[in-house]
Amino acid sequence: MAEKDTKKTKQETEETQVGPRGPLLRSRENRVLWGVAGGLAEHIGFRPALVRAAFVITTFFGGAGLLAYLVLAVALPEDDGTGKPVPESVWARLGKVVLICVLVAVGLGLAAFLAVASAWTAATGHGAIVASVVIALGVAVVAAAFIGDVRRRVIPWLLAAALVLGIPAGAIAAADIHIDESIGERTYTPTTVSDIQGSGYELGTGQLQVDLRRLPWKKGQTIHVKSELGIGQMIVSVPTNVCVVGHAHAKAGELIMAGDVSHGVDPEIDQGTPTSQAPRLAIDAEIQFGQVIVTDEAPAAITEHGADYDHHQEEIDSQERVCGR
């Protein structure tokens, strides 16, 4: 009877034990990378998933979580399986940390590449490809869940890959961003009104230049130009005697239209209705991310030194005279 009471008391003591449950070591069994989170969890009696989540969350605060993980990976010896540390020099552990750092850097670079590729694929109208890959990864996660040791080691990486691909594509779809697949530099210099592309000028990523200074502008004439750019810089040049009217919009970036400036998220410019008989450029400029410049400067000048912000007030004053606003 006394023996049963003793066992019962011992069991209750074990169940109510709080605080450290042994030496702080890197776990040999409960690990994803180097056993730091698993060792801490075993030491303080927390669930490993909570400790890993704490490292991940604190990594977003100046990288504190990642730094703490690497320091502990060097400082803590590994559990030999019996609760005792494996004999290993600090230099050997440091060498492993350097190797891990290199692998992490490569992994982050690969993740960044995949995220950009996913966003680009979705923006160019091929989001179904990303969706198919994410679904395949989900199926792989379900399949791995039924395979013992594989489950613990493979599922986190499959979930990470699904998030890296799915989040950027989802954000692009939610923002309703569409980008043409063309890349590079496009320069158009029409010399007659019939040379202007009726469907508009369009480029996916790069620099789009439309130089309208050689057109035979006539008094009272209105020339309509539509221009769309996905990511990059759009430059539209007109003579100083032309009144610029129309609309420009971007998802994010900077708009400069005849001296007026709007920048930030969802910037927009609408030029007022003129009262003069000066020739008019009715422009409809749309860009996803980047810069739109409608100016009386040459495209080459903008390319060489960028937008001349000191010139903006001169353009505003000139437009007031020309347009009669």
Protein backbone atom coordinates (compact mmCIF):
# COMPACT_ATOMS: atom_id res chain seq x y z
CA MET A 1 0.00 0.00 0.00
CA ALA A 2 2.78 2.35 0.93
CA GLU A 3 4.57 1.48 -2.28
CA LYS A 4 1.48 2.43 -4.33
CA ASP A 5 1.20 5.75 -2.49
CA THR A 6 4.87 6.43 -3.18
CA LYS A 7 4.43 5.73 -6.93
CA LYS A 8 1.32 7.88 -7.03
CA THR A 9 3.10 10.78 -5.34
CA LYS A 10 6.05 10.43 -7.71
CA GLN A 11 3.73 10.41 -10.73
CA GLU A 12 1.90 13.51 -9.51
CA THR A 13 5.23 15.24 -8.96
CA GLU A 14 6.33 14.45 -12.51
CA GLU A 15 3.04 15.66 -13.95
CA THR A 16 3.19 18.95 -12.08
CA GLN A 17 6.87 19.61 -12.65
CA VAL A 18 7.62 23.08 -13.99
CA GLY A 19 10.82 24.76 -15.12
CA PRO A 20 13.87 23.18 -16.77
CA ARG A 21 13.59 19.44 -17.40
CA GLY A 22 17.24 18.68 -17.98
CA PRO A 23 20.38 20.22 -19.47
CA LEU A 24 19.94 22.63 -22.38
CA LEU A 25 21.17 20.76 -25.44
CA ARG A 26 20.40 20.69 -29.14
CA SER A 27 17.94 17.91 -29.78
CA ARG A 28 19.06 14.98 -31.86
CA GLU A 29 15.59 13.64 -32.58
CA ASN A 30 13.34 16.70 -32.60
CA ARG A 31 14.92 18.89 -35.26
CA VAL A 32 14.20 20.58 -38.56
CA LEU A 33 17.53 22.35 -39.10
CA TRP A 34 19.94 22.07 -36.18
CA GLY A 35 17.85 20.99 -33.21
CA VAL A 36 17.94 24.32 -31.35
CA ALA A 37 14.17 24.82 -31.16
CA GLY A 38 13.63 21.17 -30.30
CA GLY A 39 16.24 21.31 -27.54
CA LEU A 40 14.74 24.46 -26.04
CA ALA A 41 11.28 22.89 -26.15
CA GLU A 42 12.50 19.78 -24.35
CA HIS A 43 14.34 21.89 -21.79
CA ILE A 44 11.44 24.16 -20.80
CA GLY A 45 8.59 21.76 -21.49
CA PHE A 46 7.00 23.67 -24.40
CA ARG A 47 5.77 22.34 -27.69
CA PRO A 48 8.51 22.52 -30.35
CA ALA A 49 6.11 24.14 -32.82
CA LEU A 50 5.63 27.09 -30.46
CA VAL A 51 9.37 27.59 -30.04
CA ARG A 52 9.93 27.43 -33.80
CA ALA A 53 7.12 29.92 -34.34
CA ALA A 54 8.79 32.27 -31.82
CA PHE A 55 12.08 32.10 -33.76
CA VAL A 56 10.29 32.79 -37.05
CA ILE A 57 8.26 35.72 -35.68
CA THR A 58 11.23 37.40 -33.98
CA THR A 59 13.25 37.05 -37.19
CA PHE A 60 11.00 39.76 -38.68
CA PHE A 61 12.18 42.15 -35.94
CA GLY A 62 15.59 43.04 -37.30
CA GLY A 63 16.59 39.40 -37.74
CA ALA A 64 16.76 38.83 -33.95
CA GLY A 65 15.27 35.35 -34.18
CA LEU A 66 17.72 34.16 -36.82
CA LEU A 67 20.67 35.65 -34.94
CA ALA A 68 19.58 34.01 -31.68
CA TYR A 69 19.18 30.67 -33.44
CA LEU A 70 22.69 30.80 -34.93
CA VAL A 71 24.27 31.86 -31.63
CA LEU A 72 22.57 28.98 -29.80
CA ALA A 73 23.57 26.60 -32.57
CA VAL A 74 27.20 27.45 -31.85
CA ALA A 75 26.93 27.66 -28.06
CA LEU A 76 24.85 24.56 -27.38
CA PRO A 77 26.29 21.05 -27.75
CA GLU A 78 24.19 18.29 -29.23
CA ASP A 79 22.37 15.69 -27.16
CA ASP A 80 24.02 12.29 -27.56
CA GLY A 81 20.67 10.57 -27.11
CA THR A 82 21.06 9.97 -23.37
CA GLY A 83 20.69 13.53 -22.17
CA LYS A 84 24.43 14.21 -22.19
CA PRO A 85 26.36 16.48 -24.55
CA VAL A 86 28.27 15.04 -27.50
CA PRO A 87 31.98 15.87 -27.20
CA GLU A 88 32.58 18.49 -29.89
CA SER A 89 34.75 21.57 -30.12
CA VAL A 90 33.30 25.06 -30.50
CA TRP A 91 35.24 25.43 -33.77
CA ALA A 92 33.56 22.37 -35.21
CA ARG A 93 30.15 23.79 -34.32
CA LEU A 94 31.17 27.18 -35.74
CA GLY A 95 32.13 25.52 -39.02
CA LYS A 96 28.71 23.94 -39.19
CA VAL A 97 27.10 27.32 -38.52
CA VAL A 98 29.04 28.88 -41.40
CA LEU A 99 27.85 26.09 -43.65
CA ILE A 100 24.28 26.57 -42.48
CA CYS A 101 24.55 30.33 -43.08
CA VAL A 102 25.67 29.71 -46.65
CA LEU A 103 22.81 27.28 -47.19
CA VAL A 104 20.33 29.71 -45.66
CA ALA A 105 21.59 32.52 -47.92
CA VAL A 106 21.22 30.28 -50.96
CA GLY A 107 17.77 29.23 -49.77
CA LEU A 108 16.65 32.84 -49.28
CA GLY A 109 17.97 33.75 -52.71
CA LEU A 110 16.08 30.84 -54.25
CA ALA A 111 12.93 31.80 -52.35
CA ALA A 112 13.22 35.39 -53.59
CA PHE A 113 13.68 34.17 -57.16
CA LEU A 114 10.65 31.87 -56.90
CA ALA A 115 8.54 34.67 -55.38
CA VAL A 116 9.44 37.07 -58.19
CA ALA A 117 8.87 34.37 -60.81
CA SER A 118 5.49 33.57 -59.29
CA ALA A 119 4.45 37.23 -59.26
CA TRP A 120 5.63 37.72 -62.82
CA THR A 121 3.84 34.58 -64.04
CA ALA A 122 0.58 35.71 -62.45
CA ALA A 123 0.93 39.30 -63.70
CA THR A 124 1.47 38.14 -67.30
CA GLY A 125 -1.75 36.14 -67.27
CA HIS A 126 -0.39 32.68 -66.46
CA GLY A 127 -1.60 32.43 -62.87
CA ALA A 128 -3.09 29.00 -63.59
CA ILE A 129 0.45 27.61 -63.77
CA VAL A 130 1.26 28.86 -60.27
CA ALA A 131 -2.08 27.59 -58.98
CA SER A 132 -1.38 24.14 -60.43
CA VAL A 133 2.03 23.99 -58.75
CA VAL A 134 0.60 25.10 -55.39
CA ILE A 135 -2.16 22.47 -55.65
CA ALA A 136 0.45 19.81 -56.45
CA LEU A 137 2.43 20.85 -53.36
CA GLY A 138 -0.75 20.58 -51.30
CA VAL A 139 -1.34 17.06 -52.57
CA ALA A 140 2.27 16.22 -51.69
CA VAL A 141 1.74 17.54 -48.15
CA VAL A 142 -1.31 15.29 -47.72
CA ALA A 143 0.61 12.28 -49.07
CA ALA A 144 3.63 12.98 -46.84
CA ALA A 145 1.39 13.18 -43.77
CA PHE A 146 0.95 9.40 -43.96
CA ILE A 147 4.66 8.58 -44.17
CA GLY A 148 6.23 8.42 -40.68
CA ASP A 149 9.61 10.18 -40.46
CA VAL A 150 9.23 11.75 -43.88
CA ARG A 151 6.29 13.76 -42.60
CA ARG A 152 8.32 15.69 -40.04
CA ARG A 153 11.17 16.56 -42.37
CA VAL A 154 9.40 17.13 -45.69
CA ILE A 155 6.10 18.83 -44.85
CA PRO A 156 7.64 22.12 -43.55
CA TRP A 157 9.59 22.55 -46.78
CA LEU A 158 6.55 21.75 -48.93
CA LEU A 159 4.45 24.27 -47.01
CA ALA A 160 7.20 26.90 -47.30
CA ALA A 161 7.41 26.36 -51.07
CA ALA A 162 3.62 26.65 -51.38
CA LEU A 163 3.62 29.93 -49.44
CA VAL A 164 6.56 31.39 -51.40
CA LEU A 165 4.74 30.68 -54.66
CA GLY A 166 1.16 31.28 -53.57
CA ILE A 167 1.40 34.56 -51.63
CA PRO A 168 2.99 36.70 -54.40
CA ALA A 169 0.65 35.30 -57.06
CA GLY A 170 -2.36 35.87 -54.80
CA ALA A 171 -1.27 39.44 -54.09
CA ILE A 172 -0.88 40.16 -57.81
CA ALA A 173 -4.33 38.73 -58.53
CA ALA A 174 -5.92 40.67 -55.66
CA ALA A 175 -4.35 43.92 -56.88
CA ASP A 176 -5.61 43.22 -60.42
CA ILE A 177 -2.16 43.74 -61.92
CA HIS A 178 -1.70 42.81 -65.58
CA ILE A 179 1.64 43.12 -67.39
CA ASP A 180 2.48 42.43 -71.00
CA GLU A 181 5.24 39.86 -71.48
CA SER A 182 7.42 42.15 -73.62
CA ILE A 183 10.69 43.34 -72.07
CA GLY A 184 13.25 45.93 -73.13
CA GLU A 185 13.28 49.44 -74.56
CA ARG A 186 10.77 50.73 -77.09
CA THR A 187 11.16 54.09 -78.86
CA TYR A 188 8.50 55.55 -81.15
CA THR A 189 8.92 58.80 -83.14
CA PRO A 190 5.86 59.30 -85.37
CA THR A 191 6.13 62.06 -87.98
CA THR A 192 2.50 62.02 -89.15
CA VAL A 193 -0.80 61.50 -87.32
CA SER A 194 -1.35 58.29 -89.28
CA ASP A 195 1.89 56.92 -87.81
CA ILE A 196 0.39 56.95 -84.30
CA GLN A 197 -0.69 53.47 -83.24
CA GLY A 198 -4.45 53.46 -82.90
CA SER A 199 -4.36 50.60 -80.38
CA GLY A 200 -1.85 52.51 -78.28
CA TYR A 201 1.73 51.93 -77.23
CA GLU A 202 2.34 49.04 -74.86
CA LEU A 203 5.32 47.47 -73.07
CA GLY A 204 5.54 44.92 -70.28
CA THR A 205 8.79 45.82 -68.52
CA GLY A 206 11.43 48.39 -69.44
CA GLN A 207 11.48 51.90 -70.86
CA LEU A 208 8.83 53.17 -73.26
CA GLN A 209 9.58 56.40 -75.17
CA VAL A 210 7.05 58.20 -77.37
CA ASP A 211 8.51 61.32 -78.96
CA LEU A 212 5.73 63.43 -80.50
CA ARG A 213 7.75 66.56 -81.21
CA ARG A 214 8.06 65.86 -84.96
CA LEU A 215 4.33 65.71 -85.59
CA PRO A 216 2.79 68.54 -87.67
CA TRP A 217 0.75 70.03 -84.82
CA LYS A 218 -2.05 72.37 -86.02
CA LYS A 219 -4.07 74.99 -84.22
CA GLY A 220 -7.27 73.56 -82.72
CA GLN A 221 -6.14 69.99 -83.47
CA THR A 222 -6.44 67.24 -80.81
CA ILE A 223 -4.26 64.14 -81.08
CA HIS A 224 -5.19 61.14 -78.95
CA VAL A 225 -2.48 58.85 -77.61
CA LYS A 226 -2.89 55.82 -75.39
CA SER A 227 0.13 54.32 -73.65
CA GLU A 228 0.45 51.40 -71.20
CA LEU A 229 3.47 50.12 -69.30
CA GLY A 230 3.76 47.31 -66.75
CA ILE A 231 6.95 48.06 -64.85
CA GLY A 232 9.55 50.71 -65.67
CA GLN A 233 9.59 54.23 -67.08
CA MET A 234 7.37 55.89 -69.67
CA ILE A 235 8.47 59.13 -71.38
CA VAL A 236 6.16 61.11 -73.66
CA SER A 237 7.63 64.28 -75.21
CA VAL A 238 5.64 67.09 -76.84
CA PRO A 239 6.53 70.58 -78.16
CA THR A 240 6.20 73.52 -75.79
CA ASN A 241 3.29 74.97 -77.78
CA VAL A 242 1.10 71.87 -77.26
CA CYS A 243 -1.53 71.82 -74.50
CA VAL A 244 -1.43 68.55 -72.55
CA VAL A 245 -4.81 67.20 -71.43
CA GLY A 246 -5.87 63.74 -70.35
CA HIS A 247 -5.34 61.25 -67.58
CA ALA A 248 -2.48 59.30 -66.01
CA HIS A 249 -2.72 56.58 -63.38
CA ALA A 250 -0.44 54.05 -61.66
CA LYS A 251 -0.73 51.28 -59.07
CA ALA A 252 2.35 52.69 -57.40
CA GLY A 253 5.08 55.08 -58.49
CA GLU A 254 5.40 58.63 -59.76
CA LEU A 255 3.45 60.58 -62.35
CA ILE A 256 4.79 63.80 -63.89
CA MET A 257 2.49 65.40 -66.44
CA ALA A 258 3.41 68.82 -67.81
CA GLY A 259 4.88 69.83 -64.46
CA ASP A 260 2.14 68.36 -62.24
CA VAL A 261 3.41 65.64 -59.92
CA SER A 262 1.65 62.81 -58.10
CA HIS A 263 3.42 59.90 -56.45
CA GLY A 264 2.96 57.10 -53.95
CA VAL A 265 0.33 54.35 -53.98
CA ASP A 266 -2.43 54.71 -56.59
CA PRO A 267 -1.32 58.16 -57.86
CA GLU A 268 -3.46 59.89 -60.47
CA ILE A 269 -3.41 63.10 -62.53
CA ASP A 270 -6.25 64.64 -64.53
CA GLN A 271 -5.48 67.75 -66.56
CA GLY A 272 -8.25 70.36 -66.76
CA THR A 273 -10.12 71.42 -69.91
CA PRO A 274 -8.26 74.13 -71.89
CA THR A 275 -9.88 77.27 -73.26
CA SER A 276 -7.37 78.16 -75.97
CA GLN A 277 -7.17 76.95 -79.57
CA ALA A 278 -3.66 75.56 -79.10
CA PRO A 279 -3.02 72.04 -80.44
CA ARG A 280 -3.80 69.45 -77.80
CA LEU A 281 -2.39 66.10 -76.74
CA ALA A 282 -5.17 64.00 -75.19
CA ILE A 283 -3.17 61.30 -73.45
CA ASP A 284 -4.33 58.24 -71.56
CA ALA A 285 -1.26 56.88 -69.72
CA GLU A 286 -1.43 53.79 -67.52
CA ILE A 287 1.42 52.16 -65.59
CA GLN A 288 1.48 49.43 -62.98
CA PHE A 289 4.73 50.25 -61.17
CA GLY A 290 7.22 52.93 -62.12
CA GLN A 291 7.34 56.44 -63.52
CA VAL A 292 5.40 58.33 -66.18
CA ILE A 293 6.84 61.60 -67.54
CA VAL A 294 4.93 63.78 -70.02
CA THR A 295 7.20 66.72 -70.78
CA ASP A 296 8.49 69.19 -73.33
CA GLU A 297 12.01 67.84 -72.80
CA ALA A 298 13.61 65.35 -75.16
CA PRO A 299 13.54 61.66 -74.11
CA ALA A 300 17.34 61.57 -74.34
CA ALA A 301 17.61 64.35 -71.76
CA ILE A 302 15.34 62.45 -69.34
CA THR A 303 17.30 59.24 -69.88
CA GLU A 304 20.58 61.06 -69.23
CA HIS A 305 19.79 63.06 -66.08
CA GLY A 306 16.30 61.94 -65.02
CA ALA A 307 13.30 64.17 -64.40
CA ASP A 308 14.26 67.82 -64.05
CA TYR A 309 12.22 68.86 -61.02
CA ASP A 310 13.51 72.45 -61.29
CA HIS A 311 11.88 72.59 -64.73
CA HIS A 312 8.43 71.62 -63.45
CA GLN A 313 7.30 75.12 -62.51
CA GLU A 314 8.40 76.41 -65.90
CA GLU A 315 6.26 73.73 -67.56
CA ILE A 316 3.28 74.58 -65.35
CA ASP A 317 3.57 78.28 -66.23
CA SER A 318 3.99 77.42 -69.92
CA GLN A 319 0.93 75.16 -69.90
CA GLU A 320 -1.18 77.88 -68.26
CA ARG A 321 -0.27 80.25 -71.08
CA VAL A 322 -0.69 77.71 -73.88
CA CYS A 323 -3.91 76.12 -72.60
CA GLY A 324 -5.50 79.31 -71.28
CA ARG A 325 -6.31 77.68 -67.96
